[in-house]
Amino acid sequence: MGFVLVISFPLLLLVLILALAFYLLGRAQGRRERAAQYFGPPVAPPGSVSASSPPTQAKPSE
């Protein structure tokens, strides 16, 4: 003789919807992590002098 387990239909529907939602969210996150990352040139720290022009050197006075 076995046990009879009664699960209501709304509870079963809720579990199926949650399982589908977690599956889709996990798949989206996995694809986002798998995508190639773009590495550009390093950025100068804030407040530093502009790196576009070389520093000027003062000529010795004669």
PDB file of N, CA and C in Angstrom:
ATOM      1  N   MET A   1       0.852  -1.177   0.000  1.00  0.00           N
ATOM      2  CA  MET A   1       0.000   0.000   0.000  1.00  0.00           C
ATOM      3  C   MET A   1       0.892   1.234   0.000  1.00  0.00           C
ATOM      4  N   GLY A   2       0.571   2.191  -0.840  1.00  0.00           N
ATOM      5  CA  GLY A   2       1.394   3.389  -0.972  1.00  0.00           C
ATOM      6  C   GLY A   2       0.676   4.620  -0.467  1.00  0.00           C
ATOM      7  N   PHE A   3       1.434   5.663  -0.353  1.00  0.00           N
ATOM      8  CA  PHE A   3       0.869   6.940   0.071  1.00  0.00           C
ATOM      9  C   PHE A   3       0.298   7.679  -1.129  1.00  0.00           C
ATOM     10  N   VAL A   4      -0.756   8.377  -0.893  1.00  0.00           N
ATOM     11  CA  VAL A   4      -1.361   9.186  -1.944  1.00  0.00           C
ATOM     12  C   VAL A   4      -1.003  10.641  -1.636  1.00  0.00           C
ATOM     13  N   LEU A   5      -0.322  11.273  -2.583  1.00  0.00           N
ATOM     14  CA  LEU A   5       0.100  12.661  -2.412  1.00  0.00           C
ATOM     15  C   LEU A   5      -0.755  13.529  -3.326  1.00  0.00           C
ATOM     16  N   VAL A   6      -1.480  14.438  -2.728  1.00  0.00           N
ATOM     17  CA  VAL A   6      -2.358  15.306  -3.504  1.00  0.00           C
ATOM     18  C   VAL A   6      -1.720  16.689  -3.581  1.00  0.00           C
ATOM     19  N   ILE A   7      -1.458  17.131  -4.791  1.00  0.00           N
ATOM     20  CA  ILE A   7      -0.889  18.458  -5.020  1.00  0.00           C
ATOM     21  C   ILE A   7      -1.914  19.242  -5.828  1.00  0.00           C
ATOM     22  N   SER A   8      -2.206  20.435  -5.367  1.00  0.00           N
ATOM     23  CA  SER A   8      -3.216  21.231  -6.053  1.00  0.00           C
ATOM     24  C   SER A   8      -2.678  21.701  -7.403  1.00  0.00           C
ATOM     25  N   PHE A   9      -3.561  21.910  -8.326  1.00  0.00           N
ATOM     26  CA  PHE A   9      -3.189  22.337  -9.669  1.00  0.00           C
ATOM     27  C   PHE A   9      -2.519  23.718  -9.663  1.00  0.00           C
ATOM     28  N   PRO A  10      -3.019  24.710  -8.891  1.00  0.00           N
ATOM     29  CA  PRO A  10      -2.324  26.007  -8.884  1.00  0.00           C
ATOM     30  C   PRO A  10      -0.888  25.909  -8.365  1.00  0.00           C
ATOM     31  N   LEU A  11      -0.632  25.051  -7.381  1.00  0.00           N
ATOM     32  CA  LEU A  11       0.722  24.879  -6.873  1.00  0.00           C
ATOM     33  C   LEU A  11       1.619  24.252  -7.936  1.00  0.00           C
ATOM     34  N   LEU A  12       1.100  23.280  -8.638  1.00  0.00           N
ATOM     35  CA  LEU A  12       1.857  22.642  -9.710  1.00  0.00           C
ATOM     36  C   LEU A  12       2.153  23.651 -10.820  1.00  0.00           C
ATOM     37  N   LEU A  13       1.190  24.464 -11.161  1.00  0.00           N
ATOM     38  CA  LEU A  13       1.377  25.484 -12.188  1.00  0.00           C
ATOM     39  C   LEU A  13       2.418  26.515 -11.746  1.00  0.00           C
ATOM     40  N   LEU A  14       2.386  26.913 -10.487  1.00  0.00           N
ATOM     41  CA  LEU A  14       3.359  27.870  -9.958  1.00  0.00           C
ATOM     42  C   LEU A  14       4.776  27.310 -10.026  1.00  0.00           C
ATOM     43  N   VAL A  15       4.934  26.058  -9.664  1.00  0.00           N
ATOM     44  CA  VAL A  15       6.257  25.430  -9.700  1.00  0.00           C
ATOM     45  C   VAL A  15       6.769  25.350 -11.134  1.00  0.00           C
ATOM     46  N   LEU A  16       5.916  25.017 -12.067  1.00  0.00           N
ATOM     47  CA  LEU A  16       6.336  24.955 -13.471  1.00  0.00           C
ATOM     48  C   LEU A  16       6.724  26.334 -14.004  1.00  0.00           C
ATOM     49  N   ILE A  17       5.975  27.358 -13.646  1.00  0.00           N
ATOM     50  CA  ILE A  17       6.290  28.716 -14.097  1.00  0.00           C
ATOM     51  C   ILE A  17       7.618  29.169 -13.491  1.00  0.00           C
ATOM     52  N   LEU A  18       7.841  28.898 -12.207  1.00  0.00           N
ATOM     53  CA  LEU A  18       9.108  29.262 -11.575  1.00  0.00           C
ATOM     54  C   LEU A  18      10.290  28.522 -12.198  1.00  0.00           C
ATOM     55  N   ALA A  19      10.107  27.249 -12.487  1.00  0.00           N
ATOM     56  CA  ALA A  19      11.178  26.475 -13.101  1.00  0.00           C
ATOM     57  C   ALA A  19      11.524  27.042 -14.480  1.00  0.00           C
ATOM     58  N   LEU A  20      10.540  27.395 -15.261  1.00  0.00           N
ATOM     59  CA  LEU A  20      10.778  27.975 -16.581  1.00  0.00           C
ATOM     60  C   LEU A  20      11.461  29.337 -16.463  1.00  0.00           C
ATOM     61  N   ALA A  21      11.044  30.137 -15.503  1.00  0.00           N
ATOM     62  CA  ALA A  21      11.643  31.465 -15.322  1.00  0.00           C
ATOM     63  C   ALA A  21      13.112  31.343 -14.928  1.00  0.00           C
ATOM     64  N   PHE A  22      13.436  30.463 -13.980  1.00  0.00           N
ATOM     65  CA  PHE A  22      14.831  30.295 -13.574  1.00  0.00           C
ATOM     66  C   PHE A  22      15.678  29.728 -14.705  1.00  0.00           C
ATOM     67  N   TYR A  23      15.107  28.849 -15.505  1.00  0.00           N
ATOM     68  CA  TYR A  23      15.831  28.297 -16.652  1.00  0.00           C
ATOM     69  C   TYR A  23      16.172  29.401 -17.645  1.00  0.00           C
ATOM     70  N   LEU A  24      15.193  30.230 -17.979  1.00  0.00           N
ATOM     71  CA  LEU A  24      15.427  31.293 -18.957  1.00  0.00           C
ATOM     72  C   LEU A  24      16.394  32.351 -18.423  1.00  0.00           C
ATOM     73  N   LEU A  25      16.273  32.710 -17.147  1.00  0.00           N
ATOM     74  CA  LEU A  25      17.197  33.686 -16.571  1.00  0.00           C
ATOM     75  C   LEU A  25      18.626  33.139 -16.525  1.00  0.00           C
ATOM     76  N   GLY A  26      18.770  31.900 -16.166  1.00  0.00           N
ATOM     77  CA  GLY A  26      20.098  31.291 -16.125  1.00  0.00           C
ATOM     78  C   GLY A  26      20.724  31.175 -17.499  1.00  0.00           C
ATOM     79  N   ARG A  27      19.913  30.854 -18.495  1.00  0.00           N
ATOM     80  CA  ARG A  27      20.429  30.760 -19.854  1.00  0.00           C
ATOM     81  C   ARG A  27      20.888  32.126 -20.357  1.00  0.00           C
ATOM     82  N   ALA A  28      20.113  33.170 -20.060  1.00  0.00           N
ATOM     83  CA  ALA A  28      20.491  34.522 -20.477  1.00  0.00           C
ATOM     84  C   ALA A  28      21.777  34.968 -19.787  1.00  0.00           C
ATOM     85  N   GLN A  29      21.903  34.666 -18.508  1.00  0.00           N
ATOM     86  CA  GLN A  29      23.114  35.061 -17.775  1.00  0.00           C
ATOM     87  C   GLN A  29      24.323  34.290 -18.303  1.00  0.00           C
ATOM     88  N   GLY A  30      24.156  33.030 -18.612  1.00  0.00           N
ATOM     89  CA  GLY A  30      25.259  32.240 -19.158  1.00  0.00           C
ATOM     90  C   GLY A  30      25.716  32.758 -20.507  1.00  0.00           C
ATOM     91  N   ARG A  31      24.793  33.149 -21.351  1.00  0.00           N
ATOM     92  CA  ARG A  31      25.171  33.702 -22.650  1.00  0.00           C
ATOM     93  C   ARG A  31      25.876  35.041 -22.489  1.00  0.00           C
ATOM     94  N   ARG A  32      25.445  35.840 -21.510  1.00  0.00           N
ATOM     95  CA  ARG A  32      26.078  37.137 -21.281  1.00  0.00           C
ATOM     96  C   ARG A  32      27.506  36.940 -20.771  1.00  0.00           C
ATOM     97  N   GLU A  33      27.730  35.967 -19.908  1.00  0.00           N
ATOM     98  CA  GLU A  33      29.072  35.715 -19.389  1.00  0.00           C
ATOM     99  C   GLU A  33      29.972  35.095 -20.444  1.00  0.00           C
ATOM    100  N   ARG A  34      29.417  34.354 -21.374  1.00  0.00           N
ATOM    101  CA  ARG A  34      30.201  33.685 -22.398  1.00  0.00           C
ATOM    102  C   ARG A  34      30.643  34.640 -23.494  1.00  0.00           C
ATOM    103  N   ALA A  35      29.948  35.764 -23.659  1.00  0.00           N
ATOM    104  CA  ALA A  35      30.245  36.697 -24.743  1.00  0.00           C
ATOM    105  C   ALA A  35      31.659  37.259 -24.586  1.00  0.00           C
ATOM    106  N   ALA A  36      32.300  37.527 -25.720  1.00  0.00           N
ATOM    107  CA  ALA A  36      33.657  38.068 -25.705  1.00  0.00           C
ATOM    108  C   ALA A  36      33.657  39.455 -25.087  1.00  0.00           C
ATOM    109  N   GLN A  37      34.646  39.684 -24.264  1.00  0.00           N
ATOM    110  CA  GLN A  37      34.764  40.981 -23.620  1.00  0.00           C
ATOM    111  C   GLN A  37      35.631  41.890 -24.487  1.00  0.00           C
ATOM    112  N   TYR A  38      35.313  43.164 -24.472  1.00  0.00           N
ATOM    113  CA  TYR A  38      36.079  44.133 -25.233  1.00  0.00           C
ATOM    114  C   TYR A  38      37.064  44.813 -24.296  1.00  0.00           C
ATOM    115  N   PHE A  39      38.333  44.673 -24.622  1.00  0.00           N
ATOM    116  CA  PHE A  39      39.368  45.322 -23.834  1.00  0.00           C
ATOM    117  C   PHE A  39      39.959  46.435 -24.668  1.00  0.00           C
ATOM    118  N   GLY A  40      39.771  47.661 -24.224  1.00  0.00           N
ATOM    119  CA  GLY A  40      40.295  48.811 -24.941  1.00  0.00           C
ATOM    120  C   GLY A  40      41.575  49.308 -24.295  1.00  0.00           C
ATOM    121  N   PRO A  41      42.082  50.418 -24.793  1.00  0.00           N
ATOM    122  CA  PRO A  41      43.291  50.988 -24.187  1.00  0.00           C
ATOM    123  C   PRO A  41      43.003  51.438 -22.765  1.00  0.00           C
ATOM    124  N   PRO A  42      44.001  51.451 -21.914  1.00  0.00           N
ATOM    125  CA  PRO A  42      43.766  51.849 -20.530  1.00  0.00           C
ATOM    126  C   PRO A  42      43.338  53.314 -20.437  1.00  0.00           C
ATOM    127  N   VAL A  43      42.526  53.586 -19.474  1.00  0.00           N
ATOM    128  CA  VAL A  43      42.004  54.927 -19.271  1.00  0.00           C
ATOM    129  C   VAL A  43      42.845  55.625 -18.205  1.00  0.00           C
ATOM    130  N   ALA A  44      43.148  56.899 -18.442  1.00  0.00           N
ATOM    131  CA  ALA A  44      43.928  57.669 -17.476  1.00  0.00           C
ATOM    132  C   ALA A  44      43.102  57.874 -16.211  1.00  0.00           C
ATOM    133  N   PRO A  45      43.733  57.854 -15.055  1.00  0.00           N
ATOM    134  CA  PRO A  45      42.989  58.072 -13.820  1.00  0.00           C
ATOM    135  C   PRO A  45      42.387  59.474 -13.788  1.00  0.00           C
ATOM    136  N   PRO A  46      41.284  59.644 -13.089  1.00  0.00           N
ATOM    137  CA  PRO A  46      40.659  60.964 -13.045  1.00  0.00           C
ATOM    138  C   PRO A  46      41.576  61.993 -12.382  1.00  0.00           C
ATOM    139  N   GLY A  47      41.578  63.178 -12.941  1.00  0.00           N
ATOM    140  CA  GLY A  47      42.381  64.253 -12.379  1.00  0.00           C
ATOM    141  C   GLY A  47      43.804  64.295 -12.905  1.00  0.00           C
ATOM    142  N   SER A  48      44.162  63.373 -13.795  1.00  0.00           N
ATOM    143  CA  SER A  48      45.521  63.379 -14.327  1.00  0.00           C
ATOM    144  C   SER A  48      45.609  64.331 -15.519  1.00  0.00           C
ATOM    145  N   VAL A  49      46.819  64.644 -15.903  1.00  0.00           N
ATOM    146  CA  VAL A  49      47.043  65.523 -17.053  1.00  0.00           C
ATOM    147  C   VAL A  49      46.676  64.759 -18.311  1.00  0.00           C
ATOM    148  N   SER A  50      46.197  65.462 -19.294  1.00  0.00           N
ATOM    149  CA  SER A  50      45.793  64.843 -20.551  1.00  0.00           C
ATOM    150  C   SER A  50      46.973  64.104 -21.174  1.00  0.00           C
ATOM    151  N   ALA A  51      46.743  62.875 -21.595  1.00  0.00           N
ATOM    152  CA  ALA A  51      47.810  62.062 -22.165  1.00  0.00           C
ATOM    153  C   ALA A  51      47.913  62.251 -23.667  1.00  0.00           C
ATOM    154  N   SER A  52      47.117  63.146 -24.257  1.00  0.00           N
ATOM    155  CA  SER A  52      47.143  63.302 -25.700  1.00  0.00           C
ATOM    156  C   SER A  52      48.365  64.084 -26.167  1.00  0.00           C
ATOM    157  N   SER A  53      48.914  64.955 -25.335  1.00  0.00           N
ATOM    158  CA  SER A  53      50.099  65.715 -25.734  1.00  0.00           C
ATOM    159  C   SER A  53      51.243  65.367 -24.787  1.00  0.00           C
ATOM    160  N   PRO A  54      52.472  65.237 -25.346  1.00  0.00           N
ATOM    161  CA  PRO A  54      53.601  64.914 -24.474  1.00  0.00           C
ATOM    162  C   PRO A  54      53.944  66.106 -23.588  1.00  0.00           C
ATOM    163  N   PRO A  55      54.548  65.848 -22.467  1.00  0.00           N
ATOM    164  CA  PRO A  55      54.898  66.961 -21.577  1.00  0.00           C
ATOM    165  C   PRO A  55      55.953  67.857 -22.225  1.00  0.00           C
ATOM    166  N   THR A  56      55.839  69.131 -22.010  1.00  0.00           N
ATOM    167  CA  THR A  56      56.800  70.081 -22.575  1.00  0.00           C
ATOM    168  C   THR A  56      57.987  70.216 -21.637  1.00  0.00           C
ATOM    169  N   GLN A  57      59.163  70.355 -22.237  1.00  0.00           N
ATOM    170  CA  GLN A  57      60.372  70.513 -21.443  1.00  0.00           C
ATOM    171  C   GLN A  57      60.846  71.952 -21.565  1.00  0.00           C
ATOM    172  N   ALA A  58      61.205  72.536 -20.461  1.00  0.00           N
ATOM    173  CA  ALA A  58      61.708  73.913 -20.470  1.00  0.00           C
ATOM    174  C   ALA A  58      63.146  73.926 -20.941  1.00  0.00           C
ATOM    175  N   LYS A  59      63.463  74.874 -21.829  1.00  0.00           N
ATOM    176  CA  LYS A  59      64.834  74.996 -22.311  1.00  0.00           C
ATOM    177  C   LYS A  59      65.648  75.774 -21.275  1.00  0.00           C
ATOM    178  N   PRO A  60      66.850  75.325 -21.065  1.00  0.00           N
ATOM    179  CA  PRO A  60      67.671  76.064 -20.099  1.00  0.00           C
ATOM    180  C   PRO A  60      67.968  77.481 -20.609  1.00  0.00           C
ATOM    181  N   SER A  61      67.896  78.433 -19.734  1.00  0.00           N
ATOM    182  CA  SER A  61      68.147  79.817 -20.134  1.00  0.00           C
ATOM    183  C   SER A  61      69.645  80.055 -20.233  1.00  0.00           C
ATOM    184  N   GLU A  62      70.047  80.818 -21.208  1.00  0.00           N
ATOM    185  CA  GLU A  62      71.478  81.074 -21.425  1.00  0.00           C
ATOM    186  C   GLU A  62      71.908  82.395 -20.916  1.00  0.00           C
TER     187      GLU A  62
END
